[in-house]
Amino acid sequence: MASIDLDKVLDKAWADKSLPEILAAPVGALKGVSDRDGELLNEAFGVRTVADLAELKYVRWAQALAALDTSAA
């Protein structure tokens, strides 16, 4: 089962929210992602929410390529 330390990946205002609320949140809920970053992601890729970002095909492609990299192991 996957786990994650929410305090490390979310802005403090979102750390106590439920998973459905977090997935529906603007990408600015992620620690280090500014409102402007969110605007740019929306303009470039139509990403509005954390769930949208997770489903973005370019993110998935990059994760798959990184998983194939055996040199990092």
C-alpha atoms as a PDB file:
ATOM      1  CA  MET A   1       0.000   0.000   0.000  1.00  0.00           C
ATOM      2  CA  ALA A   2       1.290   3.450  -0.879  1.00  0.00           C
ATOM      3  CA  SER A   3       1.762   6.077   1.790  1.00  0.00           C
ATOM      4  CA  ILE A   4       2.867   9.680   1.852  1.00  0.00           C
ATOM      5  CA  ASP A   5       3.619  12.275   4.508  1.00  0.00           C
ATOM      6  CA  LEU A   6       0.989  14.910   3.718  1.00  0.00           C
ATOM      7  CA  ASP A   7       2.860  17.560   5.712  1.00  0.00           C
ATOM      8  CA  LYS A   8       5.738  17.242   3.247  1.00  0.00           C
ATOM      9  CA  VAL A   9       3.674  17.578   0.071  1.00  0.00           C
ATOM     10  CA  LEU A  10       0.785  19.891   0.962  1.00  0.00           C
ATOM     11  CA  ASP A  11       0.501  23.485   2.050  1.00  0.00           C
ATOM     12  CA  LYS A  12      -0.547  23.637   5.698  1.00  0.00           C
ATOM     13  CA  ALA A  13      -4.091  24.740   4.821  1.00  0.00           C
ATOM     14  CA  TRP A  14      -4.675  21.429   3.040  1.00  0.00           C
ATOM     15  CA  ALA A  15      -2.913  18.978   5.367  1.00  0.00           C
ATOM     16  CA  ASP A  16      -6.060  18.161   7.367  1.00  0.00           C
ATOM     17  CA  LYS A  17      -8.368  17.716   4.372  1.00  0.00           C
ATOM     18  CA  SER A  18      -9.739  14.428   3.089  1.00  0.00           C
ATOM     19  CA  LEU A  19      -8.212  12.764   0.048  1.00  0.00           C
ATOM     20  CA  PRO A  20     -11.202  13.647  -2.183  1.00  0.00           C
ATOM     21  CA  GLU A  21     -10.861  17.299  -1.108  1.00  0.00           C
ATOM     22  CA  ILE A  22      -7.131  17.277  -1.842  1.00  0.00           C
ATOM     23  CA  LEU A  23      -7.599  15.717  -5.276  1.00  0.00           C
ATOM     24  CA  ALA A  24     -10.222  18.356  -6.109  1.00  0.00           C
ATOM     25  CA  ALA A  25      -8.014  21.170  -4.784  1.00  0.00           C
ATOM     26  CA  PRO A  26      -6.174  23.585  -7.035  1.00  0.00           C
ATOM     27  CA  VAL A  27      -2.586  22.537  -7.758  1.00  0.00           C
ATOM     28  CA  GLY A  28      -1.489  25.376  -5.485  1.00  0.00           C
ATOM     29  CA  ALA A  29      -2.423  23.076  -2.592  1.00  0.00           C
ATOM     30  CA  LEU A  30       0.826  21.244  -3.299  1.00  0.00           C
ATOM     31  CA  LYS A  31       3.794  22.563  -1.353  1.00  0.00           C
ATOM     32  CA  GLY A  32       5.996  24.690  -3.603  1.00  0.00           C
ATOM     33  CA  VAL A  33       3.374  25.255  -6.307  1.00  0.00           C
ATOM     34  CA  SER A  34       2.325  28.893  -6.418  1.00  0.00           C
ATOM     35  CA  ASP A  35      -0.988  30.271  -7.626  1.00  0.00           C
ATOM     36  CA  ARG A  36       0.878  31.576 -10.684  1.00  0.00           C
ATOM     37  CA  ASP A  37       2.306  28.114 -11.337  1.00  0.00           C
ATOM     38  CA  GLY A  38      -1.264  26.831 -11.214  1.00  0.00           C
ATOM     39  CA  GLU A  39      -2.371  29.462 -13.719  1.00  0.00           C
ATOM     40  CA  LEU A  40       0.453  28.491 -16.070  1.00  0.00           C
ATOM     41  CA  LEU A  41      -0.356  24.773 -15.773  1.00  0.00           C
ATOM     42  CA  ASN A  42      -3.962  25.590 -16.597  1.00  0.00           C
ATOM     43  CA  GLU A  43      -2.988  27.710 -19.602  1.00  0.00           C
ATOM     44  CA  ALA A  44      -0.522  25.153 -20.961  1.00  0.00           C
ATOM     45  CA  PHE A  45      -2.262  21.867 -20.189  1.00  0.00           C
ATOM     46  CA  GLY A  46      -5.746  22.563 -18.826  1.00  0.00           C
ATOM     47  CA  VAL A  47      -4.640  21.413 -15.361  1.00  0.00           C
ATOM     48  CA  ARG A  48      -6.822  22.894 -12.634  1.00  0.00           C
ATOM     49  CA  THR A  49      -6.721  20.357  -9.803  1.00  0.00           C
ATOM     50  CA  VAL A  50      -4.298  18.007  -8.101  1.00  0.00           C
ATOM     51  CA  ALA A  51      -6.148  15.126  -9.797  1.00  0.00           C
ATOM     52  CA  ASP A  52      -5.750  16.796 -13.205  1.00  0.00           C
ATOM     53  CA  LEU A  53      -2.006  17.036 -12.624  1.00  0.00           C
ATOM     54  CA  ALA A  54      -1.810  13.376 -11.594  1.00  0.00           C
ATOM     55  CA  GLU A  55      -3.631  12.351 -14.764  1.00  0.00           C
ATOM     56  CA  LEU A  56      -1.588  14.560 -17.103  1.00  0.00           C
ATOM     57  CA  LYS A  57      -0.159  12.244 -19.731  1.00  0.00           C
ATOM     58  CA  TYR A  58       3.189  14.048 -19.750  1.00  0.00           C
ATOM     59  CA  VAL A  59       3.597  13.464 -16.019  1.00  0.00           C
ATOM     60  CA  ARG A  60       2.752   9.786 -16.476  1.00  0.00           C
ATOM     61  CA  TRP A  61       5.204   9.469 -19.373  1.00  0.00           C
ATOM     62  CA  ALA A  62       7.991  11.093 -17.367  1.00  0.00           C
ATOM     63  CA  GLN A  63       7.292   8.804 -14.389  1.00  0.00           C
ATOM     64  CA  ALA A  64       7.368   5.736 -16.648  1.00  0.00           C
ATOM     65  CA  LEU A  65      10.690   6.802 -18.177  1.00  0.00           C
ATOM     66  CA  ALA A  66      12.186   7.438 -14.747  1.00  0.00           C
ATOM     67  CA  ALA A  67      11.006   4.006 -13.583  1.00  0.00           C
ATOM     68  CA  LEU A  68      12.850   2.420 -16.528  1.00  0.00           C
ATOM     69  CA  ASP A  69      16.125   4.107 -15.569  1.00  0.00           C
ATOM     70  CA  THR A  70      18.217   1.339 -14.068  1.00  0.00           C
ATOM     71  CA  SER A  71      21.290   3.552 -13.814  1.00  0.00           C
ATOM     72  CA  ALA A  72      19.814   5.338 -10.790  1.00  0.00           C
ATOM     73  CA  ALA A  73      19.621   2.085  -8.825  1.00  0.00           C
END
